[in-house]
Amino acid sequence: MSDDFKIRITGAFLAGIGTALGWWLILGPYRQALAGAPDIEIHFKAFFIVPLLLIFGVACMVFGEKLPLRGADKEKQRRAGYILFAIIAVIAGLVWWVLKSQFAALGYA
């Protein structure tokens, strides 16, 4: 089994875990809020972990071994790693902001 295939399978696994956690930890409380539940539990960490797993998993599936996250010396972070982390941070912030405003609009502060 080639390293490229292993990276792509790992990416699919990470994206699958991210999807499941997003369904359970983000969409679950949102559905409860829409249904008018008296109390909902929101996990702040999920708003960072879910985009991290999803985006990193999809990037690994798409690029495989060609994803240049680290240099040849394995110590220097490559520009692609910084860009990927910036995308993850922006999406995590947007998801948190949108859902926080949705929860506030539904009366959950």
Protein backbone atom coordinates (compact mmCIF):
# COMPACT_ATOMS: atom_id res chain seq x y z
CA MET A 1 0.00 0.00 0.00
CA SER A 2 1.50 3.32 -1.05
CA ASP A 3 1.98 6.28 1.28
CA ASP A 4 -0.28 8.41 -0.92
CA PHE A 5 -3.14 5.94 -0.53
CA LYS A 6 -2.62 5.80 3.26
CA ILE A 7 -2.76 9.59 3.49
CA ARG A 8 -5.94 9.72 1.40
CA ILE A 9 -7.62 7.00 3.50
CA THR A 10 -6.59 8.81 6.68
CA GLY A 11 -8.08 12.00 5.24
CA ALA A 12 -11.36 10.21 4.53
CA PHE A 13 -11.36 8.85 8.09
CA LEU A 14 -10.71 12.32 9.56
CA ALA A 15 -13.41 13.89 7.39
CA GLY A 16 -15.84 11.18 8.47
CA ILE A 17 -15.08 11.79 12.15
CA GLY A 18 -15.46 15.54 11.60
CA THR A 19 -18.82 15.01 9.91
CA ALA A 20 -20.07 12.77 12.72
CA LEU A 21 -18.90 15.18 15.43
CA GLY A 22 -20.42 18.12 13.58
CA TRP A 23 -23.73 16.30 13.31
CA TRP A 24 -23.69 15.39 16.99
CA LEU A 25 -22.06 18.42 18.68
CA ILE A 26 -23.11 21.33 16.43
CA LEU A 27 -26.24 20.38 14.53
CA GLY A 28 -27.72 18.44 17.46
CA PRO A 29 -27.89 21.45 19.81
CA TYR A 30 -29.08 23.64 16.94
CA ARG A 31 -31.93 21.24 16.18
CA GLN A 32 -32.80 21.19 19.89
CA ALA A 33 -32.87 24.99 19.91
CA LEU A 34 -35.15 25.05 16.87
CA ALA A 35 -37.45 22.58 18.61
CA GLY A 36 -37.61 24.87 21.66
CA ALA A 37 -35.78 22.69 24.20
CA PRO A 38 -35.53 24.35 27.63
CA ASP A 39 -31.76 23.72 27.91
CA ILE A 40 -29.12 22.99 25.32
CA GLU A 41 -25.48 22.16 25.77
CA ILE A 42 -23.02 23.83 23.40
CA HIS A 43 -19.43 22.61 23.27
CA PHE A 44 -17.14 25.49 22.31
CA LYS A 45 -14.30 23.12 21.38
CA ALA A 46 -16.48 21.49 18.73
CA PHE A 47 -16.49 24.73 16.76
CA PHE A 48 -12.74 24.39 16.27
CA ILE A 49 -12.33 20.61 16.17
CA VAL A 50 -15.03 19.96 13.56
CA PRO A 51 -13.68 22.40 10.92
CA LEU A 52 -10.14 21.20 11.69
CA LEU A 53 -11.04 17.57 11.04
CA LEU A 54 -13.20 18.32 8.01
CA ILE A 55 -10.83 20.67 6.21
CA PHE A 56 -7.66 18.77 7.03
CA GLY A 57 -9.34 15.50 6.06
CA VAL A 58 -10.60 16.87 2.76
CA ALA A 59 -7.18 18.40 2.01
CA CYS A 60 -5.53 15.03 2.65
CA MET A 61 -8.07 13.25 0.45
CA VAL A 62 -7.65 15.73 -2.41
CA PHE A 63 -3.89 16.27 -2.36
CA GLY A 64 -2.61 13.11 -0.70
CA GLU A 65 1.15 12.97 -0.50
CA LYS A 66 1.44 16.22 -2.49
CA LEU A 67 0.08 18.28 0.43
CA PRO A 68 3.17 20.33 1.35
CA LEU A 69 2.67 20.94 5.06
CA ARG A 70 6.31 20.60 6.13
CA GLY A 71 9.66 21.06 4.45
CA ALA A 72 12.18 18.33 3.74
CA ASP A 73 13.93 18.94 7.07
CA LYS A 74 10.58 18.28 8.86
CA GLU A 75 11.11 21.27 11.14
CA LYS A 76 9.99 24.25 9.09
CA GLN A 77 6.31 24.76 8.51
CA ARG A 78 5.55 25.32 4.85
CA ARG A 79 3.35 28.10 3.55
CA ALA A 80 0.58 25.61 2.71
CA GLY A 81 0.39 24.60 6.38
CA TYR A 82 -0.11 28.21 7.43
CA ILE A 83 -2.72 28.78 4.73
CA LEU A 84 -4.58 25.61 5.72
CA PHE A 85 -4.56 26.64 9.38
CA ALA A 86 -5.77 30.15 8.47
CA ILE A 87 -8.65 28.68 6.46
CA ILE A 88 -9.56 26.44 9.39
CA ALA A 89 -9.45 29.37 11.84
CA VAL A 90 -11.61 31.59 9.62
CA ILE A 91 -14.22 28.89 9.02
CA ALA A 92 -14.27 27.96 12.71
CA GLY A 93 -14.80 31.60 13.64
CA LEU A 94 -17.56 32.03 11.07
CA VAL A 95 -19.37 28.88 12.19
CA TRP A 96 -19.14 30.00 15.83
CA TRP A 97 -20.37 33.53 15.03
CA VAL A 98 -23.29 32.37 12.86
CA LEU A 99 -24.50 29.75 15.30
CA LYS A 100 -24.01 32.02 18.31
CA SER A 101 -26.19 34.64 16.64
CA GLN A 102 -28.75 31.98 15.71
CA PHE A 103 -28.88 30.72 19.30
CA ALA A 104 -29.27 34.30 20.55
CA ALA A 105 -32.08 34.91 18.07
CA LEU A 106 -33.83 31.82 19.38
CA GLY A 107 -33.54 33.09 22.96
CA TYR A 108 -30.50 31.09 24.15
CA ALA A 109 -27.80 33.37 25.52
